PDB file of N, CA and C in Angstrom:
ATOM      1  N   UNK A   1     133.376 111.155 106.196  1.00  0.00           N
ATOM      2  CA  UNK A   1     132.247 110.359 106.662  1.00  0.00           C
ATOM      3  C   UNK A   1     132.462 108.893 106.305  1.00  0.00           C
ATOM      4  N   UNK A   2     131.867 108.044 107.080  1.00  0.00           N
ATOM      5  CA  UNK A   2     131.975 106.613 106.811  1.00  0.00           C
ATOM      6  C   UNK A   2     130.947 106.194 105.764  1.00  0.00           C
ATOM      7  N   UNK A   3     131.097 104.991 105.291  1.00  0.00           N
ATOM      8  CA  UNK A   3     130.144 104.464 104.312  1.00  0.00           C
ATOM      9  C   UNK A   3     128.754 104.377 104.931  1.00  0.00           C
ATOM     10  N   UNK A   4     128.681 103.962 106.179  1.00  0.00           N
ATOM     11  CA  UNK A   4     127.390 103.874 106.865  1.00  0.00           C
ATOM     12  C   UNK A   4     126.740 105.251 106.980  1.00  0.00           C
ATOM     13  N   UNK A   5     127.531 106.262 107.284  1.00  0.00           N
ATOM     14  CA  UNK A   5     127.008 107.622 107.358  1.00  0.00           C
ATOM     15  C   UNK A   5     126.506 108.107 106.012  1.00  0.00           C
ATOM     16  N   UNK A   6     127.251 107.767 104.952  1.00  0.00           N
ATOM     17  CA  UNK A   6     126.824 108.137 103.599  1.00  0.00           C
ATOM     18  C   UNK A   6     125.499 107.469 103.248  1.00  0.00           C
ATOM     19  N   UNK A   7     125.377 106.191 103.565  1.00  0.00           N
ATOM     20  CA  UNK A   7     124.141 105.466 103.272  1.00  0.00           C
ATOM     21  C   UNK A   7     122.958 106.036 104.047  1.00  0.00           C
ATOM     22  N   UNK A   8     123.174 106.397 105.287  1.00  0.00           N
ATOM     23  CA  UNK A   8     122.096 106.978 106.086  1.00  0.00           C
ATOM     24  C   UNK A   8     121.680 108.337 105.534  1.00  0.00           C
ATOM     25  N   UNK A   9     122.638 109.112 105.048  1.00  0.00           N
ATOM     26  CA  UNK A   9     122.318 110.416 104.466  1.00  0.00           C
ATOM     27  C   UNK A   9     121.498 110.250 103.194  1.00  0.00           C
ATOM     28  N   UNK A  10     121.875 109.291 102.362  1.00  0.00           N
ATOM     29  CA  UNK A  10     121.125 109.035 101.129  1.00  0.00           C
ATOM     30  C   UNK A  10     119.726 108.524 101.462  1.00  0.00           C
ATOM     31  N   UNK A  11     119.614 107.633 102.433  1.00  0.00           N
ATOM     32  CA  UNK A  11     118.307 107.103 102.830  1.00  0.00           C
ATOM     33  C   UNK A  11     117.405 108.212 103.362  1.00  0.00           C
ATOM     34  N   UNK A  12     117.956 109.116 104.126  1.00  0.00           N
ATOM     35  CA  UNK A  12     117.163 110.231 104.655  1.00  0.00           C
ATOM     36  C   UNK A  12     116.681 111.135 103.530  1.00  0.00           C
ATOM     37  N   UNK A  13     117.541 111.372 102.552  1.00  0.00           N
ATOM     38  CA  UNK A  13     117.168 112.220 101.420  1.00  0.00           C
ATOM     39  C   UNK A  13     116.077 111.551 100.589  1.00  0.00           C
ATOM     40  N   UNK A  14     116.195 110.248 100.364  1.00  0.00           N
ATOM     41  CA  UNK A  14     115.194 109.530  99.580  1.00  0.00           C
ATOM     42  C   UNK A  14     113.865 109.439 100.309  1.00  0.00           C
ATOM     43  N   UNK A  15     113.881 109.290 101.616  1.00  0.00           N
ATOM     44  CA  UNK A  15     112.627 109.188 102.355  1.00  0.00           C
ATOM     45  C   UNK A  15     111.842 110.492 102.291  1.00  0.00           C
ATOM     46  N   UNK A  16     112.522 111.608 102.171  1.00  0.00           N
ATOM     47  CA  UNK A  16     111.829 112.886 102.017  1.00  0.00           C
ATOM     48  C   UNK A  16     111.167 112.982 100.655  1.00  0.00           C
ATOM     49  N   UNK A  17     111.743 112.338  99.643  1.00  0.00           N
ATOM     50  CA  UNK A  17     111.199 112.390  98.294  1.00  0.00           C
ATOM     51  C   UNK A  17     110.051 111.405  98.104  1.00  0.00           C
ATOM     52  N   UNK A  18     109.930 110.409  98.970  1.00  0.00           N
ATOM     53  CA  UNK A  18     108.883 109.397  98.839  1.00  0.00           C
ATOM     54  C   UNK A  18     107.603 109.911  99.487  1.00  0.00           C
ATOM     55  N   UNK A  19     106.905 110.775  98.779  1.00  0.00           N
ATOM     56  CA  UNK A  19     105.695 111.382  99.327  1.00  0.00           C
ATOM     57  C   UNK A  19     104.440 110.777  98.705  1.00  0.00           C
ATOM     58  N   UNK A  20     104.533 109.495  98.322  1.00  0.00           N
ATOM     59  CA  UNK A  20     103.370 108.820  97.760  1.00  0.00           C
ATOM     60  C   UNK A  20     102.320 108.602  98.841  1.00  0.00           C
ATOM     61  N   UNK A  21     101.082 108.494  98.409  1.00  0.00           N
ATOM     62  CA  UNK A  21      99.976 108.284  99.342  1.00  0.00           C
ATOM     63  C   UNK A  21     100.052 106.886  99.947  1.00  0.00           C
ATOM     64  N   UNK A  22      99.584 106.757 101.180  1.00  0.00           N
ATOM     65  CA  UNK A  22      99.495 105.459 101.842  1.00  0.00           C
ATOM     66  C   UNK A  22      98.185 104.797 101.444  1.00  0.00           C
ATOM     67  N   UNK A  23      98.217 103.489 101.293  1.00  0.00           N
ATOM     68  CA  UNK A  23      97.034 102.721 100.907  1.00  0.00           C
ATOM     69  C   UNK A  23      95.936 102.879 101.958  1.00  0.00           C
ATOM     70  N   UNK A  24      94.725 103.196 101.515  1.00  0.00           N
ATOM     71  CA  UNK A  24      93.596 103.372 102.428  1.00  0.00           C
ATOM     72  C   UNK A  24      93.071 102.037 102.945  1.00  0.00           C
ATOM     73  N   UNK A  25      93.371 100.941 102.248  1.00  0.00           N
ATOM     74  CA  UNK A  25      92.873  99.627 102.654  1.00  0.00           C
ATOM     75  C   UNK A  25      93.725  99.008 103.752  1.00  0.00           C
ATOM     76  N   UNK A  26      95.051  98.941 103.523  1.00  0.00           N
ATOM     77  CA  UNK A  26      95.912  98.255 104.492  1.00  0.00           C
ATOM     78  C   UNK A  26      96.672  99.218 105.402  1.00  0.00           C
ATOM     79  N   UNK A  27      96.881 100.450 104.959  1.00  0.00           N
ATOM     80  CA  UNK A  27      97.593 101.433 105.760  1.00  0.00           C
ATOM     81  C   UNK A  27      99.097 101.236 105.815  1.00  0.00           C
ATOM     82  N   UNK A  28      99.624 100.212 105.136  1.00  0.00           N
ATOM     83  CA  UNK A  28     101.054  99.913 105.165  1.00  0.00           C
ATOM     84  C   UNK A  28     101.754 100.293 103.869  1.00  0.00           C
ATOM     85  N   UNK A  29     101.165  99.881 102.751  1.00  0.00           N
ATOM     86  CA  UNK A  29     101.799 100.077 101.452  1.00  0.00           C
ATOM     87  C   UNK A  29     101.648 101.492 100.930  1.00  0.00           C
ATOM     88  N   UNK A  30     102.451 101.790  99.929  1.00  0.00           N
ATOM     89  CA  UNK A  30     102.369 103.065  99.223  1.00  0.00           C
ATOM     90  C   UNK A  30     101.715 102.825  97.868  1.00  0.00           C
ATOM     91  N   UNK A  31     101.023 103.834  97.349  1.00  0.00           N
ATOM     92  CA  UNK A  31     100.328 103.698  96.080  1.00  0.00           C
ATOM     93  C   UNK A  31     101.257 104.022  94.919  1.00  0.00           C
ATOM     94  N   UNK A  32     101.215 103.141  93.901  1.00  0.00           N
ATOM     95  CA  UNK A  32     102.028 103.282  92.699  1.00  0.00           C
ATOM     96  C   UNK A  32     101.086 103.542  91.529  1.00  0.00           C
ATOM     97  N   UNK A  33     101.345 104.584  90.757  1.00  0.00           N
ATOM     98  CA  UNK A  33     100.520 104.910  89.595  1.00  0.00           C
ATOM     99  C   UNK A  33     100.738 103.856  88.521  1.00  0.00           C
ATOM    100  N   UNK A  34      99.640 103.190  88.071  1.00  0.00           N
ATOM    101  CA  UNK A  34      99.776 102.174  87.032  1.00  0.00           C
ATOM    102  C   UNK A  34      99.038 102.546  85.747  1.00  0.00           C
ATOM    103  N   UNK A  35      98.093 103.490  85.810  1.00  0.00           N
ATOM    104  CA  UNK A  35      97.365 103.902  84.609  1.00  0.00           C
ATOM    105  C   UNK A  35      96.828 105.314  84.795  1.00  0.00           C
ATOM    106  N   UNK A  36      96.732 106.011  83.676  1.00  0.00           N
ATOM    107  CA  UNK A  36      96.191 107.367  83.688  1.00  0.00           C
ATOM    108  C   UNK A  36      95.477 107.584  82.365  1.00  0.00           C
ATOM    109  N   UNK A  37      94.241 108.072  82.427  1.00  0.00           N
ATOM    110  CA  UNK A  37      93.469 108.320  81.209  1.00  0.00           C
ATOM    111  C   UNK A  37      92.554 109.511  81.434  1.00  0.00           C
ATOM    112  N   UNK A  38      92.050 110.099  80.361  1.00  0.00           N
ATOM    113  CA  UNK A  38      91.107 111.208  80.526  1.00  0.00           C
ATOM    114  C   UNK A  38      89.838 110.729  81.237  1.00  0.00           C
ATOM    115  N   UNK A  39      89.304 111.558  82.104  1.00  0.00           N
ATOM    116  CA  UNK A  39      88.074 111.231  82.810  1.00  0.00           C
ATOM    117  C   UNK A  39      86.945 111.069  81.796  1.00  0.00           C
ATOM    118  N   UNK A  40      86.094 110.029  81.946  1.00  0.00           N
ATOM    119  CA  UNK A  40      85.016 109.818  80.984  1.00  0.00           C
ATOM    120  C   UNK A  40      84.053 110.996  80.869  1.00  0.00           C
ATOM    121  N   UNK A  41      83.827 111.719  81.955  1.00  0.00           N
ATOM    122  CA  UNK A  41      82.873 112.827  81.935  1.00  0.00           C
ATOM    123  C   UNK A  41      83.528 114.184  81.733  1.00  0.00           C
ATOM    124  N   UNK A  42      84.681 114.392  82.344  1.00  0.00           N
ATOM    125  CA  UNK A  42      85.300 115.711  82.345  1.00  0.00           C
ATOM    126  C   UNK A  42      86.662 115.741  81.662  1.00  0.00           C
ATOM    127  N   UNK A  43      86.960 114.739  80.846  1.00  0.00           N
ATOM    128  CA  UNK A  43      88.239 114.680  80.146  1.00  0.00           C
ATOM    129  C   UNK A  43      88.468 115.866  79.224  1.00  0.00           C
ATOM    130  N   UNK A  44      87.394 116.397  78.635  1.00  0.00           N
ATOM    131  CA  UNK A  44      87.522 117.552  77.742  1.00  0.00           C
ATOM    132  C   UNK A  44      87.987 118.794  78.492  1.00  0.00           C
ATOM    133  N   UNK A  45      87.800 118.799  79.804  1.00  0.00           N
ATOM    134  CA  UNK A  45      88.220 119.930  80.628  1.00  0.00           C
ATOM    135  C   UNK A  45      89.608 119.721  81.230  1.00  0.00           C
ATOM    136  N   UNK A  46      90.250 118.598  80.872  1.00  0.00           N
ATOM    137  CA  UNK A  46      91.599 118.333  81.363  1.00  0.00           C
ATOM    138  C   UNK A  46      91.671 117.471  82.608  1.00  0.00           C
ATOM    139  N   UNK A  47      90.528 116.960  83.074  1.00  0.00           N
ATOM    140  CA  UNK A  47      90.514 116.115  84.265  1.00  0.00           C
ATOM    141  C   UNK A  47      90.956 114.706  83.870  1.00  0.00           C
ATOM    142  N   UNK A  48      91.843 114.117  84.664  1.00  0.00           N
ATOM    143  CA  UNK A  48      92.325 112.765  84.380  1.00  0.00           C
ATOM    144  C   UNK A  48      91.889 111.810  85.487  1.00  0.00           C
ATOM    145  N   UNK A  49      91.757 110.552  85.126  1.00  0.00           N
ATOM    146  CA  UNK A  49      91.443 109.492  86.079  1.00  0.00           C
ATOM    147  C   UNK A  49      92.703 108.653  86.247  1.00  0.00           C
ATOM    148  N   UNK A  50      93.154 108.495  87.479  1.00  0.00           N
ATOM    149  CA  UNK A  50      94.386 107.763  87.751  1.00  0.00           C
ATOM    150  C   UNK A  50      94.057 106.483  88.507  1.00  0.00           C
ATOM    151  N   UNK A  51      94.747 105.404  88.137  1.00  0.00           N
ATOM    152  CA  UNK A  51      94.598 104.125  88.818  1.00  0.00           C
ATOM    153  C   UNK A  51      95.900 103.814  89.532  1.00  0.00           C
ATOM    154  N   UNK A  52      95.800 103.524  90.820  1.00  0.00           N
ATOM    155  CA  UNK A  52      96.960 103.226  91.655  1.00  0.00           C
ATOM    156  C   UNK A  52      96.850 101.799  92.175  1.00  0.00           C
ATOM    157  N   UNK A  53      98.011 101.169  92.419  1.00  0.00           N
ATOM    158  CA  UNK A  53      98.067  99.844  93.040  1.00  0.00           C
ATOM    159  C   UNK A  53      98.920  99.945  94.295  1.00  0.00           C
ATOM    160  N   UNK A  54      98.477  99.287  95.356  1.00  0.00           N
ATOM    161  CA  UNK A  54      99.243  99.248  96.600  1.00  0.00           C
ATOM    162  C   UNK A  54     100.472  98.370  96.387  1.00  0.00           C
ATOM    163  N   UNK A  55     101.645  98.842  96.828  1.00  0.00           N
ATOM    164  CA  UNK A  55     102.878  98.076  96.628  1.00  0.00           C
ATOM    165  C   UNK A  55     103.149  97.072  97.742  1.00  0.00           C
ATOM    166  N   UNK A  56     102.232  96.936  98.684  1.00  0.00           N
ATOM    167  CA  UNK A  56     102.375  95.942  99.749  1.00  0.00           C
ATOM    168  C   UNK A  56     102.034  94.561  99.186  1.00  0.00           C
ATOM    169  N   UNK A  57     102.885  93.571  99.461  1.00  0.00           N
ATOM    170  CA  UNK A  57     102.670  92.217  98.946  1.00  0.00           C
ATOM    171  C   UNK A  57     101.386  91.598  99.497  1.00  0.00           C
ATOM    172  N   UNK A  58     101.001  91.949 100.714  1.00  0.00           N
ATOM    173  CA  UNK A  58      99.799  91.386 101.318  1.00  0.00           C
ATOM    174  C   UNK A  58      98.515  92.018 100.776  1.00  0.00           C
ATOM    175  N   UNK A  59      98.596  93.206 100.216  1.00  0.00           N
ATOM    176  CA  UNK A  59      97.405  93.952  99.807  1.00  0.00           C
ATOM    177  C   UNK A  59      97.249  93.942  98.280  1.00  0.00           C
ATOM    178  N   UNK A  60      97.917  94.839  97.590  1.00  0.00           N
ATOM    179  CA  UNK A  60      97.853  94.909  96.132  1.00  0.00           C
ATOM    180  C   UNK A  60      96.549  95.440  95.571  1.00  0.00           C
ATOM    181  N   UNK A  61      95.711  96.046  96.398  1.00  0.00           N
ATOM    182  CA  UNK A  61      94.413  96.538  95.929  1.00  0.00           C
ATOM    183  C   UNK A  61      94.575  97.756  95.021  1.00  0.00           C
ATOM    184  N   UNK A  62      93.568  97.962  94.167  1.00  0.00           N
ATOM    185  CA  UNK A  62      93.549  99.096  93.249  1.00  0.00           C
ATOM    186  C   UNK A  62      92.735 100.240  93.839  1.00  0.00           C
ATOM    187  N   UNK A  63      93.168 101.458  93.562  1.00  0.00           N
ATOM    188  CA  UNK A  63      92.464 102.669  93.958  1.00  0.00           C
ATOM    189  C   UNK A  63      92.336 103.541  92.722  1.00  0.00           C
ATOM    190  N   UNK A  64      91.126 103.997  92.426  1.00  0.00           N
ATOM    191  CA  UNK A  64      90.905 104.895  91.293  1.00  0.00           C
ATOM    192  C   UNK A  64      90.624 106.275  91.848  1.00  0.00           C
ATOM    193  N   UNK A  65      91.400 107.231  91.383  1.00  0.00           N
ATOM    194  CA  UNK A  65      91.283 108.599  91.881  1.00  0.00           C
ATOM    195  C   UNK A  65      91.025 109.526  90.723  1.00  0.00           C
TER     196      UNK A  65
END
């Protein structure tokens, strides 16, 4: 295989692994986990609160899940 073919194969494999959520605000960026802590109400039951940031340069909004 050529170098270009190798690069395309690696890119295809990586794109399958990139299953991050799409930003609900801009619809372009992917969400990156930046913080995780126990939920204030249900933390004793193992529920966590996660904070995500959009990786799009134009957006960058936070999402708490």
